[in-house]
Amino acid sequence: MLALWITIKVFIKGMIMGAVNVFPVSSGTVSLILGVFERFVNSIKSLNPKNFRYLRKGQASEFARRKQSLKSYEVYTWSFFIGLIIASVVYVMKRIEKVNIKNILLILAGFAISFMLSIKSNPYSNDNFLYLFLCGIVGATGMVVPGISGSHLMLLMGNYELIVTEAIPALTKASTFMHGARILFPFALGSVVSIVSFSYLLSWLMRDFRNETLSALAGFMLGSLPVVYPWKEPTADMMDFAFHLPQWNSELLMAVVMMVLGAATVYLLELMARHTAKKQAERLLNPKPKRHGKKTQ
């Protein structure tokens, strides 16, 4: 029963990571929050070429088509993510065993790179095969690297709408299936290359340069906050965002509540992860004796 319950929890966490991919939020960050980052990276690293075709299978086109439902609660949703990210940065930094000048510089470098990416936008789409392949390589990094949003990178490259709101829904209709497949094939191919490559790299970095890697990841996550900052609009040329302070009203109060809930979610997940790890350690140290059936006379 324990193994089944662990499998179910991992499955649910995977669904959450997949769903987050549609929004401009890093699913790599979510994997850290959920406590499955290293398992996720090492699992992808262990894949062989025969299994590549199964990567990214099951993207929820219906979910993508209905993503506009976020608009109704946009401020509250992004506020929740702000709480998640800030608490996740604290969680990651607590795991850094040694703090020194090098790690601090890595945090600042990660923050600067992620921040500069977060404040840019690009409205122009491009369905060229090689460009879509490049979009797949760049966009899939958000699945593996915490703090980098694959969907936001798609916005920067101008192909978010083309892929998420045009190509994926097109697969659900026979009349437009080939159009969607033509766009998604090079993108998926690039994604596979990106995910596998970054998984090997991150697995090696987490093994041999753990503190340095966690420092850079913490900076990336902190620098991604402009992505989820709800009080912003694209500028007239659609190439940047105009940020402004929120008004003091009931919406702001509710946004603060959602931030606290987001942070509390990370804390609760951390407590659950500790409890599970403690139980597993106890079972390893004190295994239950095997029961043998009574011998018949």
C-alpha atoms as a PDB file:
ATOM      1  CA  MET A   1       0.000   0.000   0.000  1.00  0.00           C
ATOM      2  CA  LEU A   2       2.864   2.386   0.799  1.00  0.00           C
ATOM      3  CA  ALA A   3       4.405   1.907  -2.654  1.00  0.00           C
ATOM      4  CA  LEU A   4       1.021   2.492  -4.294  1.00  0.00           C
ATOM      5  CA  TRP A   5       0.447   5.687  -2.311  1.00  0.00           C
ATOM      6  CA  ILE A   6       3.929   7.004  -3.217  1.00  0.00           C
ATOM      7  CA  THR A   7       3.244   6.253  -6.895  1.00  0.00           C
ATOM      8  CA  ILE A   8      -0.084   8.093  -6.749  1.00  0.00           C
ATOM      9  CA  LYS A   9       1.546  11.148  -5.136  1.00  0.00           C
ATOM     10  CA  VAL A  10       4.295  11.246  -7.763  1.00  0.00           C
ATOM     11  CA  PHE A  11       1.663  10.928 -10.500  1.00  0.00           C
ATOM     12  CA  ILE A  12      -0.306  13.868  -9.077  1.00  0.00           C
ATOM     13  CA  LYS A  13       2.857  15.958  -8.802  1.00  0.00           C
ATOM     14  CA  GLY A  14       3.641  15.169 -12.436  1.00  0.00           C
ATOM     15  CA  MET A  15       0.156  16.331 -13.455  1.00  0.00           C
ATOM     16  CA  ILE A  16       0.716  19.612 -11.604  1.00  0.00           C
ATOM     17  CA  MET A  17       4.065  20.138 -13.366  1.00  0.00           C
ATOM     18  CA  GLY A  18       2.449  19.436 -16.730  1.00  0.00           C
ATOM     19  CA  ALA A  19      -0.419  21.831 -16.083  1.00  0.00           C
ATOM     20  CA  VAL A  20       1.919  24.624 -14.999  1.00  0.00           C
ATOM     21  CA  ASN A  21       3.753  24.364 -18.344  1.00  0.00           C
ATOM     22  CA  VAL A  22       0.845  26.130 -20.045  1.00  0.00           C
ATOM     23  CA  PHE A  23       1.310  29.224 -17.869  1.00  0.00           C
ATOM     24  CA  PRO A  24       4.372  31.521 -17.783  1.00  0.00           C
ATOM     25  CA  VAL A  25       5.650  29.772 -14.639  1.00  0.00           C
ATOM     26  CA  SER A  26       8.597  27.386 -14.377  1.00  0.00           C
ATOM     27  CA  SER A  27       7.574  23.766 -13.844  1.00  0.00           C
ATOM     28  CA  GLY A  28      11.173  23.224 -12.754  1.00  0.00           C
ATOM     29  CA  THR A  29      10.405  25.533  -9.846  1.00  0.00           C
ATOM     30  CA  VAL A  30       7.263  23.529  -9.110  1.00  0.00           C
ATOM     31  CA  SER A  31       9.277  20.288  -9.150  1.00  0.00           C
ATOM     32  CA  LEU A  32      11.551  21.798  -6.474  1.00  0.00           C
ATOM     33  CA  ILE A  33       8.528  22.867  -4.439  1.00  0.00           C
ATOM     34  CA  LEU A  34       7.034  19.391  -4.706  1.00  0.00           C
ATOM     35  CA  GLY A  35      10.298  17.733  -3.747  1.00  0.00           C
ATOM     36  CA  VAL A  36      10.734  15.737  -6.966  1.00  0.00           C
ATOM     37  CA  PHE A  37      13.325  17.858  -8.818  1.00  0.00           C
ATOM     38  CA  GLU A  38      16.290  15.494  -8.567  1.00  0.00           C
ATOM     39  CA  ARG A  39      14.109  12.446  -9.148  1.00  0.00           C
ATOM     40  CA  PHE A  40      12.625  14.112 -12.229  1.00  0.00           C
ATOM     41  CA  VAL A  41      16.041  15.070 -13.634  1.00  0.00           C
ATOM     42  CA  ASN A  42      17.579  11.652 -13.008  1.00  0.00           C
ATOM     43  CA  SER A  43      14.554   9.864 -14.444  1.00  0.00           C
ATOM     44  CA  ILE A  44      14.860  11.769 -17.720  1.00  0.00           C
ATOM     45  CA  LYS A  45      18.628  11.218 -17.745  1.00  0.00           C
ATOM     46  CA  SER A  46      18.080   7.455 -17.556  1.00  0.00           C
ATOM     47  CA  LEU A  47      15.898   7.393 -20.670  1.00  0.00           C
ATOM     48  CA  ASN A  48      17.314   5.719 -23.767  1.00  0.00           C
ATOM     49  CA  PRO A  49      16.633   6.778 -27.384  1.00  0.00           C
ATOM     50  CA  LYS A  50      13.823   4.217 -27.725  1.00  0.00           C
ATOM     51  CA  ASN A  51      11.830   6.088 -25.125  1.00  0.00           C
ATOM     52  CA  PHE A  52      12.210   9.582 -26.619  1.00  0.00           C
ATOM     53  CA  ARG A  53       8.917   9.333 -28.481  1.00  0.00           C
ATOM     54  CA  TYR A  54       7.066   9.131 -25.191  1.00  0.00           C
ATOM     55  CA  LEU A  55       8.345  12.475 -23.915  1.00  0.00           C
ATOM     56  CA  ARG A  56       5.783  15.252 -23.754  1.00  0.00           C
ATOM     57  CA  LYS A  57       3.032  12.761 -24.594  1.00  0.00           C
ATOM     58  CA  GLY A  58      -0.375  13.659 -23.255  1.00  0.00           C
ATOM     59  CA  GLN A  59      -0.243  17.439 -23.430  1.00  0.00           C
ATOM     60  CA  ALA A  60      -3.702  18.618 -22.397  1.00  0.00           C
ATOM     61  CA  SER A  61      -5.038  20.466 -25.450  1.00  0.00           C
ATOM     62  CA  GLU A  62      -8.396  21.010 -23.820  1.00  0.00           C
ATOM     63  CA  PHE A  63      -6.674  22.584 -20.826  1.00  0.00           C
ATOM     64  CA  ALA A  64      -4.685  24.808 -23.181  1.00  0.00           C
ATOM     65  CA  ARG A  65      -7.852  25.931 -24.959  1.00  0.00           C
ATOM     66  CA  ARG A  66      -9.434  26.878 -21.679  1.00  0.00           C
ATOM     67  CA  LYS A  67      -6.414  28.697 -20.264  1.00  0.00           C
ATOM     68  CA  GLN A  68      -8.299  32.009 -20.607  1.00  0.00           C
ATOM     69  CA  SER A  69     -10.277  31.064 -17.486  1.00  0.00           C
ATOM     70  CA  LEU A  70      -7.204  32.316 -15.620  1.00  0.00           C
ATOM     71  CA  LYS A  71      -8.176  35.856 -16.583  1.00  0.00           C
ATOM     72  CA  SER A  72     -11.103  35.849 -14.158  1.00  0.00           C
ATOM     73  CA  TYR A  73      -8.786  35.394 -11.183  1.00  0.00           C
ATOM     74  CA  GLU A  74      -5.506  36.601 -12.708  1.00  0.00           C
ATOM     75  CA  VAL A  75      -4.325  38.765  -9.825  1.00  0.00           C
ATOM     76  CA  TYR A  76      -5.089  36.097  -7.235  1.00  0.00           C
ATOM     77  CA  THR A  77      -3.497  33.291  -9.264  1.00  0.00           C
ATOM     78  CA  TRP A  78      -0.275  35.187  -9.885  1.00  0.00           C
ATOM     79  CA  SER A  79      -0.188  36.308  -6.253  1.00  0.00           C
ATOM     80  CA  PHE A  80      -0.371  32.667  -5.191  1.00  0.00           C
ATOM     81  CA  PHE A  81       2.587  31.919  -7.464  1.00  0.00           C
ATOM     82  CA  ILE A  82       4.527  34.845  -5.945  1.00  0.00           C
ATOM     83  CA  GLY A  83       4.137  33.237  -2.526  1.00  0.00           C
ATOM     84  CA  LEU A  84       5.196  29.868  -3.948  1.00  0.00           C
ATOM     85  CA  ILE A  85       8.319  31.268  -5.573  1.00  0.00           C
ATOM     86  CA  ILE A  86       9.487  33.359  -2.591  1.00  0.00           C
ATOM     87  CA  ALA A  87       9.009  30.458  -0.180  1.00  0.00           C
ATOM     88  CA  SER A  88      10.721  28.130  -2.666  1.00  0.00           C
ATOM     89  CA  VAL A  89      13.752  30.417  -2.815  1.00  0.00           C
ATOM     90  CA  VAL A  90      13.973  30.261   0.991  1.00  0.00           C
ATOM     91  CA  TYR A  91      13.592  26.471   0.817  1.00  0.00           C
ATOM     92  CA  VAL A  92      16.370  26.122  -1.783  1.00  0.00           C
ATOM     93  CA  MET A  93      18.735  28.470   0.061  1.00  0.00           C
ATOM     94  CA  LYS A  94      18.246  26.455   3.266  1.00  0.00           C
ATOM     95  CA  ARG A  95      19.609  23.447   1.381  1.00  0.00           C
ATOM     96  CA  ILE A  96      22.857  25.255   0.532  1.00  0.00           C
ATOM     97  CA  GLU A  97      25.348  23.747   2.964  1.00  0.00           C
ATOM     98  CA  LYS A  98      28.048  26.375   2.583  1.00  0.00           C
ATOM     99  CA  VAL A  99      27.566  30.092   1.901  1.00  0.00           C
ATOM    100  CA  ASN A 100      30.559  31.939   0.446  1.00  0.00           C
ATOM    101  CA  ILE A 101      31.366  34.745  -1.983  1.00  0.00           C
ATOM    102  CA  LYS A 102      31.216  32.399  -4.985  1.00  0.00           C
ATOM    103  CA  ASN A 103      27.713  31.200  -4.107  1.00  0.00           C
ATOM    104  CA  ILE A 104      26.507  34.756  -3.486  1.00  0.00           C
ATOM    105  CA  LEU A 105      27.841  35.823  -6.894  1.00  0.00           C
ATOM    106  CA  LEU A 106      26.069  32.854  -8.510  1.00  0.00           C
ATOM    107  CA  ILE A 107      22.805  33.896  -6.849  1.00  0.00           C
ATOM    108  CA  LEU A 108      23.219  37.441  -8.188  1.00  0.00           C
ATOM    109  CA  ALA A 109      24.160  36.193 -11.675  1.00  0.00           C
ATOM    110  CA  GLY A 110      21.167  33.843 -11.803  1.00  0.00           C
ATOM    111  CA  PHE A 111      18.901  36.652 -10.616  1.00  0.00           C
ATOM    112  CA  ALA A 112      20.214  39.112 -13.228  1.00  0.00           C
ATOM    113  CA  ILE A 113      19.793  36.685 -16.158  1.00  0.00           C
ATOM    114  CA  SER A 114      16.321  35.567 -15.111  1.00  0.00           C
ATOM    115  CA  PHE A 115      15.187  39.127 -14.329  1.00  0.00           C
ATOM    116  CA  MET A 116      16.242  40.452 -17.743  1.00  0.00           C
ATOM    117  CA  LEU A 117      14.358  37.621 -19.453  1.00  0.00           C
ATOM    118  CA  SER A 118      11.306  38.253 -17.290  1.00  0.00           C
ATOM    119  CA  ILE A 119      10.749  41.877 -18.232  1.00  0.00           C
ATOM    120  CA  LYS A 120      10.768  41.368 -22.008  1.00  0.00           C
ATOM    121  CA  SER A 121       8.026  40.399 -24.445  1.00  0.00           C
ATOM    122  CA  ASN A 122       7.696  39.738 -28.201  1.00  0.00           C
ATOM    123  CA  PRO A 123       4.416  39.540 -30.150  1.00  0.00           C
ATOM    124  CA  TYR A 124       5.739  38.194 -33.465  1.00  0.00           C
ATOM    125  CA  SER A 125       5.239  34.514 -34.353  1.00  0.00           C
ATOM    126  CA  ASN A 126       7.413  32.451 -36.704  1.00  0.00           C
ATOM    127  CA  ASP A 127       6.463  28.988 -38.010  1.00  0.00           C
ATOM    128  CA  ASN A 128       9.801  28.244 -39.698  1.00  0.00           C
ATOM    129  CA  PHE A 129      10.867  24.609 -38.980  1.00  0.00           C
ATOM    130  CA  LEU A 130      14.304  25.502 -37.597  1.00  0.00           C
ATOM    131  CA  TYR A 131      12.912  28.352 -35.494  1.00  0.00           C
ATOM    132  CA  LEU A 132      10.224  26.062 -34.045  1.00  0.00           C
ATOM    133  CA  PHE A 133      12.947  23.505 -33.279  1.00  0.00           C
ATOM    134  CA  LEU A 134      14.896  26.254 -31.476  1.00  0.00           C
ATOM    135  CA  CYS A 135      11.715  27.239 -29.600  1.00  0.00           C
ATOM    136  CA  GLY A 136      11.416  23.643 -28.408  1.00  0.00           C
ATOM    137  CA  ILE A 137      15.015  23.636 -27.184  1.00  0.00           C
ATOM    138  CA  VAL A 138      14.620  26.953 -25.368  1.00  0.00           C
ATOM    139  CA  GLY A 139      11.060  26.449 -24.114  1.00  0.00           C
ATOM    140  CA  ALA A 140      11.631  22.999 -22.621  1.00  0.00           C
ATOM    141  CA  THR A 141      14.328  24.321 -20.297  1.00  0.00           C
ATOM    142  CA  GLY A 142      11.509  25.536 -18.045  1.00  0.00           C
ATOM    143  CA  MET A 143      10.537  21.907 -17.408  1.00  0.00           C
ATOM    144  CA  VAL A 144      13.978  21.158 -16.018  1.00  0.00           C
ATOM    145  CA  VAL A 145      15.583  24.394 -14.806  1.00  0.00           C
ATOM    146  CA  PRO A 146      13.833  26.015 -11.794  1.00  0.00           C
ATOM    147  CA  GLY A 147      13.228  29.744 -12.199  1.00  0.00           C
ATOM    148  CA  ILE A 148      13.027  29.599 -15.983  1.00  0.00           C
ATOM    149  CA  SER A 149       9.515  29.568 -17.427  1.00  0.00           C
ATOM    150  CA  GLY A 150       9.244  27.709 -20.727  1.00  0.00           C
ATOM    151  CA  SER A 151       5.963  29.412 -21.553  1.00  0.00           C
ATOM    152  CA  HIS A 152       7.421  32.831 -20.819  1.00  0.00           C
ATOM    153  CA  LEU A 153      10.393  32.067 -23.046  1.00  0.00           C
ATOM    154  CA  MET A 154       7.841  31.233 -25.747  1.00  0.00           C
ATOM    155  CA  LEU A 155       6.340  34.677 -25.193  1.00  0.00           C
ATOM    156  CA  LEU A 156       9.799  36.219 -25.568  1.00  0.00           C
ATOM    157  CA  MET A 157      10.356  34.334 -28.824  1.00  0.00           C
ATOM    158  CA  GLY A 158       6.892  35.282 -30.092  1.00  0.00           C
ATOM    159  CA  ASN A 159       5.551  31.730 -30.526  1.00  0.00           C
ATOM    160  CA  TYR A 160       3.484  31.199 -27.355  1.00  0.00           C
ATOM    161  CA  GLU A 161       0.144  31.935 -29.037  1.00  0.00           C
ATOM    162  CA  LEU A 162       1.110  29.960 -32.157  1.00  0.00           C
ATOM    163  CA  ILE A 163       1.934  26.815 -30.166  1.00  0.00           C
ATOM    164  CA  VAL A 164      -0.423  26.917 -27.176  1.00  0.00           C
ATOM    165  CA  THR A 165      -3.595  28.489 -28.550  1.00  0.00           C
ATOM    166  CA  GLU A 166      -3.329  27.531 -32.226  1.00  0.00           C
ATOM    167  CA  ALA A 167      -1.316  24.352 -32.799  1.00  0.00           C
ATOM    168  CA  ILE A 168      -2.352  22.274 -29.767  1.00  0.00           C
ATOM    169  CA  PRO A 169      -6.133  22.847 -30.176  1.00  0.00           C
ATOM    170  CA  ALA A 170      -5.723  22.178 -33.926  1.00  0.00           C
ATOM    171  CA  LEU A 171      -4.839  18.560 -33.121  1.00  0.00           C
ATOM    172  CA  THR A 172      -8.357  17.941 -31.794  1.00  0.00           C
ATOM    173  CA  LYS A 173      -9.980  18.402 -35.231  1.00  0.00           C
ATOM    174  CA  ALA A 174      -9.395  16.247 -38.309  1.00  0.00           C
ATOM    175  CA  SER A 175      -9.562  19.274 -40.622  1.00  0.00           C
ATOM    176  CA  THR A 176      -6.739  21.104 -38.827  1.00  0.00           C
ATOM    177  CA  PHE A 177      -4.735  18.161 -37.452  1.00  0.00           C
ATOM    178  CA  MET A 178      -1.946  18.356 -40.047  1.00  0.00           C
ATOM    179  CA  HIS A 179      -1.565  22.100 -39.479  1.00  0.00           C
ATOM    180  CA  GLY A 180      -1.109  21.557 -35.735  1.00  0.00           C
ATOM    181  CA  ALA A 181       1.217  18.590 -36.297  1.00  0.00           C
ATOM    182  CA  ARG A 182       3.384  20.599 -38.719  1.00  0.00           C
ATOM    183  CA  ILE A 183       3.954  23.218 -36.016  1.00  0.00           C
ATOM    184  CA  LEU A 184       4.292  20.876 -33.047  1.00  0.00           C
ATOM    185  CA  PHE A 185       6.614  18.254 -34.588  1.00  0.00           C
ATOM    186  CA  PRO A 186       9.767  20.447 -34.746  1.00  0.00           C
ATOM    187  CA  PHE A 187       8.848  22.024 -31.406  1.00  0.00           C
ATOM    188  CA  ALA A 188       8.491  18.601 -29.738  1.00  0.00           C
ATOM    189  CA  LEU A 189      11.728  17.424 -31.357  1.00  0.00           C
ATOM    190  CA  GLY A 190      13.597  20.406 -29.936  1.00  0.00           C
ATOM    191  CA  SER A 191      11.972  19.849 -26.553  1.00  0.00           C
ATOM    192  CA  VAL A 192      13.214  16.260 -26.399  1.00  0.00           C
ATOM    193  CA  VAL A 193      16.762  17.335 -27.228  1.00  0.00           C
ATOM    194  CA  SER A 194      16.599  20.099 -24.615  1.00  0.00           C
ATOM    195  CA  ILE A 195      15.080  18.037 -21.796  1.00  0.00           C
ATOM    196  CA  VAL A 196      17.517  15.151 -22.158  1.00  0.00           C
ATOM    197  CA  SER A 197      20.564  17.414 -22.552  1.00  0.00           C
ATOM    198  CA  PHE A 198      19.712  19.629 -19.580  1.00  0.00           C
ATOM    199  CA  SER A 199      18.836  16.590 -17.454  1.00  0.00           C
ATOM    200  CA  TYR A 200      22.309  15.128 -17.934  1.00  0.00           C
ATOM    201  CA  LEU A 201      23.880  18.507 -17.221  1.00  0.00           C
ATOM    202  CA  LEU A 202      21.811  19.198 -14.089  1.00  0.00           C
ATOM    203  CA  SER A 203      22.291  15.665 -12.777  1.00  0.00           C
ATOM    204  CA  TRP A 204      26.057  16.139 -13.031  1.00  0.00           C
ATOM    205  CA  LEU A 205      25.931  19.620 -11.506  1.00  0.00           C
ATOM    206  CA  MET A 206      23.746  18.503  -8.580  1.00  0.00           C
ATOM    207  CA  ARG A 207      26.136  15.621  -7.920  1.00  0.00           C
ATOM    208  CA  ASP A 208      29.480  17.444  -8.159  1.00  0.00           C
ATOM    209  CA  PHE A 209      28.584  21.130  -7.596  1.00  0.00           C
ATOM    210  CA  ARG A 210      25.480  20.940  -5.435  1.00  0.00           C
ATOM    211  CA  ASN A 211      25.886  24.183  -3.458  1.00  0.00           C
ATOM    212  CA  GLU A 212      26.860  26.203  -6.530  1.00  0.00           C
ATOM    213  CA  THR A 213      23.945  24.784  -8.545  1.00  0.00           C
ATOM    214  CA  LEU A 214      21.417  25.493  -5.789  1.00  0.00           C
ATOM    215  CA  SER A 215      22.763  29.044  -5.500  1.00  0.00           C
ATOM    216  CA  ALA A 216      22.304  29.701  -9.222  1.00  0.00           C
ATOM    217  CA  LEU A 217      18.826  28.115  -9.158  1.00  0.00           C
ATOM    218  CA  ALA A 218      17.806  30.304  -6.219  1.00  0.00           C
ATOM    219  CA  GLY A 219      18.859  33.361  -8.199  1.00  0.00           C
ATOM    220  CA  PHE A 220      16.966  32.202 -11.288  1.00  0.00           C
ATOM    221  CA  MET A 221      13.807  31.638  -9.235  1.00  0.00           C
ATOM    222  CA  LEU A 222      14.031  35.026  -7.530  1.00  0.00           C
ATOM    223  CA  GLY A 223      14.625  36.775 -10.846  1.00  0.00           C
ATOM    224  CA  SER A 224      11.511  35.164 -12.338  1.00  0.00           C
ATOM    225  CA  LEU A 225       9.171  37.128 -10.052  1.00  0.00           C
ATOM    226  CA  PRO A 226       8.372  39.775 -12.735  1.00  0.00           C
ATOM    227  CA  VAL A 227       6.792  36.978 -14.800  1.00  0.00           C
ATOM    228  CA  VAL A 228       4.098  36.412 -12.180  1.00  0.00           C
ATOM    229  CA  TYR A 229       3.799  40.026 -11.011  1.00  0.00           C
ATOM    230  CA  PRO A 230       0.114  40.719 -11.794  1.00  0.00           C
ATOM    231  CA  TRP A 231       0.153  44.514 -11.965  1.00  0.00           C
ATOM    232  CA  LYS A 232       1.789  45.034 -15.355  1.00  0.00           C
ATOM    233  CA  GLU A 233       0.792  45.630 -18.984  1.00  0.00           C
ATOM    234  CA  PRO A 234       2.707  45.328 -22.272  1.00  0.00           C
ATOM    235  CA  THR A 235       4.090  48.607 -23.608  1.00  0.00           C
ATOM    236  CA  ALA A 236       2.816  50.108 -26.892  1.00  0.00           C
ATOM    237  CA  ASP A 237       5.458  48.295 -28.963  1.00  0.00           C
ATOM    238  CA  MET A 238       4.667  45.018 -27.107  1.00  0.00           C
ATOM    239  CA  MET A 239       8.392  44.483 -26.506  1.00  0.00           C
ATOM    240  CA  ASP A 240       8.482  45.301 -22.773  1.00  0.00           C
ATOM    241  CA  PHE A 241       6.181  45.483 -19.767  1.00  0.00           C
ATOM    242  CA  ALA A 242       5.052  48.554 -17.846  1.00  0.00           C
ATOM    243  CA  PHE A 243       4.966  47.740 -14.114  1.00  0.00           C
ATOM    244  CA  HIS A 244       2.917  49.717 -11.600  1.00  0.00           C
ATOM    245  CA  LEU A 245       2.024  49.493  -7.923  1.00  0.00           C
ATOM    246  CA  PRO A 246      -1.353  48.004  -6.973  1.00  0.00           C
ATOM    247  CA  GLN A 247      -4.166  50.103  -5.579  1.00  0.00           C
ATOM    248  CA  TRP A 248      -5.025  49.850  -1.913  1.00  0.00           C
ATOM    249  CA  ASN A 249      -8.304  47.970  -2.075  1.00  0.00           C
ATOM    250  CA  SER A 250      -9.928  44.641  -1.288  1.00  0.00           C
ATOM    251  CA  GLU A 251      -8.279  43.039  -4.320  1.00  0.00           C
ATOM    252  CA  LEU A 252      -4.827  43.820  -2.927  1.00  0.00           C
ATOM    253  CA  LEU A 253      -5.827  42.376   0.464  1.00  0.00           C
ATOM    254  CA  MET A 254      -6.988  39.159  -1.190  1.00  0.00           C
ATOM    255  CA  ALA A 255      -3.778  39.067  -3.247  1.00  0.00           C
ATOM    256  CA  VAL A 256      -1.728  39.226  -0.046  1.00  0.00           C
ATOM    257  CA  VAL A 257      -3.817  36.383   1.395  1.00  0.00           C
ATOM    258  CA  MET A 258      -3.083  34.312  -1.735  1.00  0.00           C
ATOM    259  CA  MET A 259       0.654  35.038  -1.398  1.00  0.00           C
ATOM    260  CA  VAL A 260       0.562  33.770   2.183  1.00  0.00           C
ATOM    261  CA  LEU A 261      -1.343  30.672   1.052  1.00  0.00           C
ATOM    262  CA  GLY A 262       1.267  30.061  -1.645  1.00  0.00           C
ATOM    263  CA  ALA A 263       4.095  30.300   0.873  1.00  0.00           C
ATOM    264  CA  ALA A 264       2.177  28.099   3.319  1.00  0.00           C
ATOM    265  CA  THR A 265       1.758  25.482   0.589  1.00  0.00           C
ATOM    266  CA  VAL A 266       5.533  25.210   0.189  1.00  0.00           C
ATOM    267  CA  TYR A 267       5.953  24.942   3.967  1.00  0.00           C
ATOM    268  CA  LEU A 268       3.344  22.182   4.210  1.00  0.00           C
ATOM    269  CA  LEU A 269       4.901  20.284   1.306  1.00  0.00           C
ATOM    270  CA  GLU A 270       8.277  20.550   3.020  1.00  0.00           C
ATOM    271  CA  LEU A 271       6.793  19.159   6.245  1.00  0.00           C
ATOM    272  CA  MET A 272       5.180  16.302   4.318  1.00  0.00           C
ATOM    273  CA  ALA A 273       8.486  15.538   2.573  1.00  0.00           C
ATOM    274  CA  ARG A 274      10.299  15.463   5.931  1.00  0.00           C
ATOM    275  CA  HIS A 275       7.645  13.184   7.426  1.00  0.00           C
ATOM    276  CA  THR A 276       7.810  10.787   4.475  1.00  0.00           C
ATOM    277  CA  ALA A 277      11.627  10.712   4.559  1.00  0.00           C
ATOM    278  CA  LYS A 278      11.567  10.064   8.316  1.00  0.00           C
ATOM    279  CA  LYS A 279       9.102   7.186   7.927  1.00  0.00           C
ATOM    280  CA  GLN A 280      11.148   5.620   5.145  1.00  0.00           C
ATOM    281  CA  ALA A 281      14.340   5.906   7.225  1.00  0.00           C
ATOM    282  CA  GLU A 282      12.600   4.258  10.193  1.00  0.00           C
ATOM    283  CA  ARG A 283      11.446   1.367   8.013  1.00  0.00           C
ATOM    284  CA  LEU A 284      14.978   0.852   6.724  1.00  0.00           C
ATOM    285  CA  LEU A 285      16.459   0.906  10.221  1.00  0.00           C
ATOM    286  CA  ASN A 286      13.712  -1.188  11.815  1.00  0.00           C
ATOM    287  CA  PRO A 287      12.345  -3.583   9.203  1.00  0.00           C
ATOM    288  CA  LYS A 288       9.306  -5.574  10.253  1.00  0.00           C
ATOM    289  CA  PRO A 289       9.998  -9.294  10.795  1.00  0.00           C
ATOM    290  CA  LYS A 290       8.541 -11.571   8.160  1.00  0.00           C
ATOM    291  CA  ARG A 291       5.518 -13.543   9.248  1.00  0.00           C
ATOM    292  CA  HIS A 292       5.585 -17.253   8.621  1.00  0.00           C
ATOM    293  CA  GLY A 293       2.503 -19.419   8.469  1.00  0.00           C
ATOM    294  CA  LYS A 294       1.857 -21.924  11.217  1.00  0.00           C
ATOM    295  CA  LYS A 295       3.115 -25.389  10.494  1.00  0.00           C
ATOM    296  CA  THR A 296       0.447 -28.060  10.344  1.00  0.00           C
ATOM    297  CA  GLN A 297       0.954 -31.137  12.456  1.00  0.00           C
END
